[in-house]
Amino acid sequence: MNGWLAIELRWLRQLLDATIPDLPERAGLGSVDLTTFWPELAATAPPLLRFGLRASTWIFTWLPLLMSGYFRPFFALSPDRRDAFLTQMGRTNVFVLRQLAATLKIIASFALFRDPASRRALGVVP
């Protein structure tokens, strides 16, 4: 995306992949090529959504370092711990963290359903 550092995009990709993981019964976001998605998102997303996505990326990458039971950045967590962390963020009583988790879910869904193969696999389009 425009203005994002390569490391930020890697962190974001790890967060999005953990939001909709690949499972034995269905493909997740990890199997989707997002190279055309990023420029499209940067060009069409409202500024507040772009800000929220970047805030989500930074906060959720580093917040696990400060939390009991994690003590590592998001990218250093196992897939199970990543899932537990994102689930916890989606259920927290802290409104801002819940909204940032929702932002990740929305963007992950946009990315997944933009891919024609994913839509076909999920039975959304013929």
N, C-alpha and C. Protein backbone atom coordinates (compact mmCIF):
# COMPACT_ATOMS: atom_id res chain seq x y z
N MET A 1 0.84 -1.17 0.00
CA MET A 1 0.00 0.00 0.00
C MET A 1 0.88 1.23 0.00
N ASN A 2 0.32 2.29 -0.45
CA ASN A 2 1.07 3.55 -0.55
C ASN A 2 1.55 4.02 0.81
N GLY A 3 2.85 4.28 0.90
CA GLY A 3 3.41 4.81 2.13
C GLY A 3 3.71 3.80 3.21
N TRP A 4 3.34 2.55 3.02
CA TRP A 4 3.61 1.52 4.02
C TRP A 4 5.01 0.97 3.81
N LEU A 5 5.69 0.69 4.91
CA LEU A 5 6.99 0.03 4.83
C LEU A 5 6.78 -1.45 4.52
N ALA A 6 7.78 -2.06 3.92
CA ALA A 6 7.68 -3.49 3.59
C ALA A 6 7.45 -4.33 4.84
N ILE A 7 8.08 -3.96 5.95
CA ILE A 7 7.91 -4.71 7.19
C ILE A 7 6.48 -4.60 7.70
N GLU A 8 5.87 -3.42 7.55
CA GLU A 8 4.48 -3.24 7.96
C GLU A 8 3.55 -4.14 7.15
N LEU A 9 3.82 -4.24 5.86
CA LEU A 9 3.00 -5.10 5.01
C LEU A 9 3.16 -6.57 5.39
N ARG A 10 4.36 -6.98 5.79
CA ARG A 10 4.56 -8.36 6.26
C ARG A 10 3.78 -8.60 7.55
N TRP A 11 3.84 -7.63 8.47
CA TRP A 11 3.09 -7.77 9.72
C TRP A 11 1.59 -7.86 9.42
N LEU A 12 1.12 -6.98 8.54
CA LEU A 12 -0.30 -6.98 8.19
C LEU A 12 -0.71 -8.30 7.56
N ARG A 13 0.13 -8.81 6.67
CA ARG A 13 -0.19 -10.09 6.02
C ARG A 13 -0.30 -11.20 7.05
N GLN A 14 0.60 -11.22 8.03
CA GLN A 14 0.53 -12.24 9.07
C GLN A 14 -0.74 -12.11 9.90
N LEU A 15 -1.13 -10.89 10.20
CA LEU A 15 -2.38 -10.66 10.94
C LEU A 15 -3.59 -11.11 10.13
N LEU A 16 -3.62 -10.76 8.85
CA LEU A 16 -4.75 -11.13 8.00
C LEU A 16 -4.81 -12.64 7.80
N ASP A 17 -3.66 -13.26 7.56
CA ASP A 17 -3.63 -14.72 7.39
C ASP A 17 -4.11 -15.44 8.64
N ALA A 18 -3.80 -14.89 9.81
CA ALA A 18 -4.27 -15.49 11.06
C ALA A 18 -5.75 -15.23 11.29
N THR A 19 -6.27 -14.18 10.70
CA THR A 19 -7.69 -13.86 10.85
C THR A 19 -8.56 -14.86 10.09
N ILE A 20 -8.13 -15.22 8.88
CA ILE A 20 -8.82 -16.25 8.09
C ILE A 20 -7.77 -17.28 7.68
N PRO A 21 -7.45 -18.20 8.59
CA PRO A 21 -6.36 -19.15 8.33
C PRO A 21 -6.75 -20.24 7.34
N ASP A 22 -5.74 -20.81 6.72
CA ASP A 22 -5.95 -22.00 5.89
C ASP A 22 -6.28 -23.17 6.81
N LEU A 23 -7.31 -23.91 6.47
CA LEU A 23 -7.72 -25.09 7.23
C LEU A 23 -7.80 -26.28 6.29
N PRO A 24 -7.76 -27.50 6.81
CA PRO A 24 -7.85 -28.67 5.93
C PRO A 24 -9.12 -28.70 5.07
N GLU A 25 -10.23 -28.20 5.63
CA GLU A 25 -11.49 -28.27 4.89
C GLU A 25 -11.73 -27.08 3.96
N ARG A 26 -10.92 -26.03 4.09
CA ARG A 26 -11.09 -24.89 3.19
C ARG A 26 -9.82 -24.04 3.17
N ALA A 27 -9.62 -23.39 2.04
CA ALA A 27 -8.47 -22.49 1.91
C ALA A 27 -8.79 -21.18 2.62
N GLY A 28 -7.79 -20.59 3.18
CA GLY A 28 -7.94 -19.30 3.85
C GLY A 28 -7.26 -18.22 3.06
N LEU A 29 -6.94 -17.17 3.72
CA LEU A 29 -6.33 -16.02 3.06
C LEU A 29 -4.87 -16.27 2.69
N GLY A 30 -4.23 -17.21 3.35
CA GLY A 30 -2.83 -17.51 3.05
C GLY A 30 -2.60 -17.99 1.64
N SER A 31 -3.63 -18.54 1.00
CA SER A 31 -3.48 -19.05 -0.36
C SER A 31 -3.92 -18.04 -1.42
N VAL A 32 -4.23 -16.82 -1.01
CA VAL A 32 -4.70 -15.79 -1.94
C VAL A 32 -3.57 -14.82 -2.24
N ASP A 33 -3.37 -14.52 -3.51
CA ASP A 33 -2.38 -13.53 -3.93
C ASP A 33 -3.00 -12.14 -3.78
N LEU A 34 -2.38 -11.31 -2.95
CA LEU A 34 -2.94 -9.98 -2.66
C LEU A 34 -2.22 -8.84 -3.38
N THR A 35 -1.39 -9.16 -4.37
CA THR A 35 -0.61 -8.10 -5.02
C THR A 35 -1.48 -7.05 -5.69
N THR A 36 -2.63 -7.43 -6.24
CA THR A 36 -3.51 -6.42 -6.84
C THR A 36 -4.48 -5.84 -5.82
N PHE A 37 -4.68 -6.52 -4.70
CA PHE A 37 -5.59 -6.03 -3.68
C PHE A 37 -5.06 -4.78 -3.00
N TRP A 38 -3.75 -4.75 -2.67
CA TRP A 38 -3.19 -3.62 -1.92
C TRP A 38 -3.35 -2.28 -2.64
N PRO A 39 -2.97 -2.18 -3.92
CA PRO A 39 -3.13 -0.88 -4.59
C PRO A 39 -4.60 -0.45 -4.68
N GLU A 40 -5.47 -1.43 -4.90
CA GLU A 40 -6.90 -1.13 -4.98
C GLU A 40 -7.42 -0.62 -3.64
N LEU A 41 -7.01 -1.26 -2.56
CA LEU A 41 -7.43 -0.83 -1.23
C LEU A 41 -6.90 0.58 -0.94
N ALA A 42 -5.64 0.82 -1.26
CA ALA A 42 -5.05 2.13 -1.01
C ALA A 42 -5.77 3.23 -1.79
N ALA A 43 -6.24 2.90 -2.98
CA ALA A 43 -6.90 3.91 -3.82
C ALA A 43 -8.36 4.14 -3.45
N THR A 44 -9.02 3.15 -2.85
CA THR A 44 -10.47 3.26 -2.65
C THR A 44 -10.91 3.34 -1.19
N ALA A 45 -10.09 2.90 -0.27
CA ALA A 45 -10.50 2.90 1.14
C ALA A 45 -10.53 4.33 1.68
N PRO A 46 -11.52 4.63 2.51
CA PRO A 46 -11.56 5.95 3.14
C PRO A 46 -10.36 6.15 4.07
N PRO A 47 -9.94 7.39 4.26
CA PRO A 47 -8.76 7.65 5.10
C PRO A 47 -8.87 7.06 6.51
N LEU A 48 -10.04 7.11 7.11
CA LEU A 48 -10.19 6.59 8.46
C LEU A 48 -10.00 5.07 8.51
N LEU A 49 -10.45 4.36 7.48
CA LEU A 49 -10.24 2.92 7.42
C LEU A 49 -8.75 2.60 7.23
N ARG A 50 -8.08 3.35 6.38
CA ARG A 50 -6.63 3.14 6.19
C ARG A 50 -5.88 3.40 7.49
N PHE A 51 -6.27 4.47 8.20
CA PHE A 51 -5.64 4.76 9.49
C PHE A 51 -5.89 3.63 10.49
N GLY A 52 -7.12 3.15 10.55
CA GLY A 52 -7.46 2.07 11.47
C GLY A 52 -6.71 0.79 11.15
N LEU A 53 -6.51 0.52 9.87
CA LEU A 53 -5.78 -0.67 9.48
C LEU A 53 -4.32 -0.58 9.89
N ARG A 54 -3.74 0.60 9.71
CA ARG A 54 -2.34 0.76 10.11
C ARG A 54 -2.21 0.70 11.63
N ALA A 55 -3.15 1.31 12.33
CA ALA A 55 -3.13 1.24 13.80
C ALA A 55 -3.28 -0.21 14.26
N SER A 56 -4.19 -0.95 13.64
CA SER A 56 -4.36 -2.37 13.97
C SER A 56 -3.06 -3.13 13.77
N THR A 57 -2.41 -2.85 12.68
CA THR A 57 -1.16 -3.55 12.36
C THR A 57 -0.12 -3.32 13.43
N TRP A 58 0.11 -2.08 13.79
CA TRP A 58 1.12 -1.77 14.80
C TRP A 58 0.72 -2.27 16.19
N ILE A 59 -0.49 -2.00 16.58
CA ILE A 59 -0.91 -2.37 17.94
C ILE A 59 -0.95 -3.88 18.11
N PHE A 60 -1.53 -4.60 17.15
CA PHE A 60 -1.65 -6.04 17.31
C PHE A 60 -0.35 -6.78 17.04
N THR A 61 0.59 -6.14 16.39
CA THR A 61 1.91 -6.76 16.22
C THR A 61 2.68 -6.72 17.54
N TRP A 62 2.58 -5.62 18.26
CA TRP A 62 3.41 -5.44 19.44
C TRP A 62 2.69 -5.63 20.78
N LEU A 63 1.38 -5.53 20.82
CA LEU A 63 0.65 -5.68 22.08
C LEU A 63 0.88 -7.01 22.78
N PRO A 64 0.99 -8.13 22.06
CA PRO A 64 1.22 -9.40 22.78
C PRO A 64 2.47 -9.41 23.66
N LEU A 65 3.45 -8.56 23.33
CA LEU A 65 4.65 -8.45 24.17
C LEU A 65 4.31 -8.07 25.61
N LEU A 66 3.26 -7.30 25.77
CA LEU A 66 2.90 -6.76 27.08
C LEU A 66 1.84 -7.58 27.80
N MET A 67 1.36 -8.63 27.17
CA MET A 67 0.24 -9.38 27.72
C MET A 67 0.68 -10.71 28.32
N SER A 68 0.13 -11.00 29.48
CA SER A 68 0.41 -12.26 30.15
C SER A 68 0.00 -13.43 29.25
N GLY A 69 0.88 -14.41 29.14
CA GLY A 69 0.59 -15.59 28.34
C GLY A 69 1.15 -15.52 26.92
N TYR A 70 1.61 -14.34 26.51
CA TYR A 70 2.13 -14.21 25.15
C TYR A 70 3.61 -13.80 25.20
N PHE A 71 3.90 -12.62 25.69
CA PHE A 71 5.27 -12.11 25.88
C PHE A 71 6.14 -12.16 24.63
N ARG A 72 5.53 -12.10 23.48
CA ARG A 72 6.25 -12.07 22.20
C ARG A 72 5.46 -11.20 21.23
N PRO A 73 6.14 -10.66 20.22
CA PRO A 73 5.36 -9.96 19.19
C PRO A 73 4.51 -10.96 18.41
N PHE A 74 3.48 -10.47 17.77
CA PHE A 74 2.53 -11.34 17.07
C PHE A 74 3.23 -12.29 16.10
N PHE A 75 4.21 -11.77 15.35
CA PHE A 75 4.87 -12.59 14.34
C PHE A 75 5.68 -13.74 14.93
N ALA A 76 5.97 -13.69 16.22
CA ALA A 76 6.74 -14.75 16.87
C ALA A 76 5.84 -15.77 17.59
N LEU A 77 4.53 -15.58 17.52
CA LEU A 77 3.61 -16.50 18.17
C LEU A 77 3.32 -17.70 17.27
N SER A 78 2.97 -18.81 17.88
CA SER A 78 2.55 -19.99 17.13
C SER A 78 1.16 -19.71 16.54
N PRO A 79 0.75 -20.48 15.54
CA PRO A 79 -0.60 -20.27 14.97
C PRO A 79 -1.71 -20.35 16.02
N ASP A 80 -1.59 -21.27 16.97
CA ASP A 80 -2.61 -21.38 18.02
C ASP A 80 -2.64 -20.15 18.91
N ARG A 81 -1.48 -19.61 19.26
CA ARG A 81 -1.40 -18.42 20.11
C ARG A 81 -1.88 -17.19 19.34
N ARG A 82 -1.61 -17.14 18.03
CA ARG A 82 -2.12 -16.04 17.21
C ARG A 82 -3.65 -16.04 17.22
N ASP A 83 -4.22 -17.22 17.05
CA ASP A 83 -5.67 -17.34 17.05
C ASP A 83 -6.23 -16.94 18.41
N ALA A 84 -5.60 -17.38 19.48
CA ALA A 84 -6.07 -17.03 20.82
C ALA A 84 -6.00 -15.53 21.05
N PHE A 85 -4.92 -14.92 20.60
CA PHE A 85 -4.76 -13.47 20.77
C PHE A 85 -5.84 -12.71 20.00
N LEU A 86 -6.04 -13.05 18.74
CA LEU A 86 -7.06 -12.34 17.94
C LEU A 86 -8.46 -12.57 18.49
N THR A 87 -8.73 -13.77 18.97
CA THR A 87 -10.02 -14.05 19.60
C THR A 87 -10.20 -13.18 20.85
N GLN A 88 -9.15 -13.09 21.64
CA GLN A 88 -9.20 -12.27 22.85
C GLN A 88 -9.43 -10.80 22.50
N MET A 89 -8.79 -10.31 21.44
CA MET A 89 -8.97 -8.92 21.05
C MET A 89 -10.40 -8.67 20.55
N GLY A 90 -10.99 -9.64 19.91
CA GLY A 90 -12.36 -9.50 19.43
C GLY A 90 -13.39 -9.52 20.54
N ARG A 91 -13.00 -10.02 21.70
CA ARG A 91 -13.94 -10.15 22.84
C ARG A 91 -13.61 -9.22 24.00
N THR A 92 -12.56 -8.45 23.89
CA THR A 92 -12.14 -7.61 25.00
C THR A 92 -13.19 -6.56 25.35
N ASN A 93 -13.14 -6.10 26.59
CA ASN A 93 -14.01 -5.01 27.02
C ASN A 93 -13.50 -3.65 26.57
N VAL A 94 -12.29 -3.61 26.03
CA VAL A 94 -11.70 -2.35 25.57
C VAL A 94 -12.22 -2.07 24.15
N PHE A 95 -13.08 -1.08 24.06
CA PHE A 95 -13.78 -0.78 22.81
C PHE A 95 -12.82 -0.59 21.63
N VAL A 96 -11.76 0.18 21.82
CA VAL A 96 -10.83 0.48 20.73
C VAL A 96 -10.19 -0.79 20.19
N LEU A 97 -9.80 -1.69 21.07
CA LEU A 97 -9.19 -2.94 20.63
C LEU A 97 -10.19 -3.82 19.87
N ARG A 98 -11.44 -3.84 20.34
CA ARG A 98 -12.48 -4.59 19.61
C ARG A 98 -12.69 -4.01 18.22
N GLN A 99 -12.69 -2.69 18.11
CA GLN A 99 -12.87 -2.05 16.81
C GLN A 99 -11.68 -2.31 15.88
N LEU A 100 -10.48 -2.32 16.43
CA LEU A 100 -9.31 -2.62 15.61
C LEU A 100 -9.35 -4.07 15.13
N ALA A 101 -9.81 -4.98 15.99
CA ALA A 101 -9.96 -6.37 15.57
C ALA A 101 -11.01 -6.49 14.48
N ALA A 102 -12.09 -5.73 14.60
CA ALA A 102 -13.13 -5.74 13.57
C ALA A 102 -12.58 -5.19 12.25
N THR A 103 -11.73 -4.20 12.32
CA THR A 103 -11.10 -3.65 11.11
C THR A 103 -10.30 -4.73 10.40
N LEU A 104 -9.53 -5.51 11.15
CA LEU A 104 -8.77 -6.61 10.54
C LEU A 104 -9.70 -7.62 9.89
N LYS A 105 -10.78 -7.96 10.57
CA LYS A 105 -11.74 -8.93 10.02
C LYS A 105 -12.36 -8.43 8.72
N ILE A 106 -12.70 -7.16 8.70
CA ILE A 106 -13.31 -6.58 7.50
C ILE A 106 -12.34 -6.62 6.33
N ILE A 107 -11.12 -6.18 6.55
CA ILE A 107 -10.13 -6.16 5.47
C ILE A 107 -9.80 -7.58 5.02
N ALA A 108 -9.68 -8.51 5.96
CA ALA A 108 -9.42 -9.91 5.59
C ALA A 108 -10.56 -10.45 4.73
N SER A 109 -11.78 -10.12 5.09
CA SER A 109 -12.94 -10.57 4.31
C SER A 109 -12.94 -9.94 2.92
N PHE A 110 -12.66 -8.65 2.85
CA PHE A 110 -12.56 -7.98 1.54
C PHE A 110 -11.52 -8.67 0.66
N ALA A 111 -10.36 -8.96 1.25
CA ALA A 111 -9.28 -9.58 0.48
C ALA A 111 -9.66 -10.98 0.01
N LEU A 112 -10.27 -11.75 0.89
CA LEU A 112 -10.66 -13.12 0.53
C LEU A 112 -11.72 -13.13 -0.57
N PHE A 113 -12.75 -12.32 -0.39
CA PHE A 113 -13.86 -12.35 -1.34
C PHE A 113 -13.60 -11.57 -2.62
N ARG A 114 -12.49 -10.86 -2.69
CA ARG A 114 -12.09 -10.23 -3.93
C ARG A 114 -11.51 -11.27 -4.90
N ASP A 115 -10.99 -12.36 -4.35
CA ASP A 115 -10.37 -13.42 -5.14
C ASP A 115 -11.45 -14.33 -5.74
N PRO A 116 -11.54 -14.41 -7.09
CA PRO A 116 -12.59 -15.23 -7.72
C PRO A 116 -12.53 -16.70 -7.32
N ALA A 117 -11.34 -17.26 -7.20
CA ALA A 117 -11.22 -18.67 -6.82
C ALA A 117 -11.77 -18.92 -5.42
N SER A 118 -11.53 -18.00 -4.51
CA SER A 118 -12.06 -18.14 -3.15
C SER A 118 -13.58 -18.06 -3.15
N ARG A 119 -14.12 -17.14 -3.92
CA ARG A 119 -15.58 -17.02 -4.00
C ARG A 119 -16.20 -18.30 -4.55
N ARG A 120 -15.59 -18.86 -5.61
CA ARG A 120 -16.10 -20.10 -6.18
C ARG A 120 -16.01 -21.25 -5.17
N ALA A 121 -14.87 -21.34 -4.49
CA ALA A 121 -14.68 -22.42 -3.51
C ALA A 121 -15.70 -22.35 -2.39
N LEU A 122 -16.11 -21.14 -2.04
CA LEU A 122 -17.09 -20.97 -0.96
C LEU A 122 -18.53 -20.97 -1.48
N GLY A 123 -18.69 -21.14 -2.79
CA GLY A 123 -20.01 -21.22 -3.38
C GLY A 123 -20.72 -19.89 -3.52
N VAL A 124 -19.96 -18.80 -3.52
CA VAL A 124 -20.56 -17.47 -3.60
C VAL A 124 -20.92 -17.11 -5.04
N VAL A 125 -20.10 -17.52 -6.00
CA VAL A 125 -20.38 -17.27 -7.42
C VAL A 125 -20.18 -18.58 -8.19
N PRO A 126 -20.83 -18.70 -9.32
CA PRO A 126 -20.66 -19.94 -10.12
C PRO A 126 -19.26 -20.07 -10.70
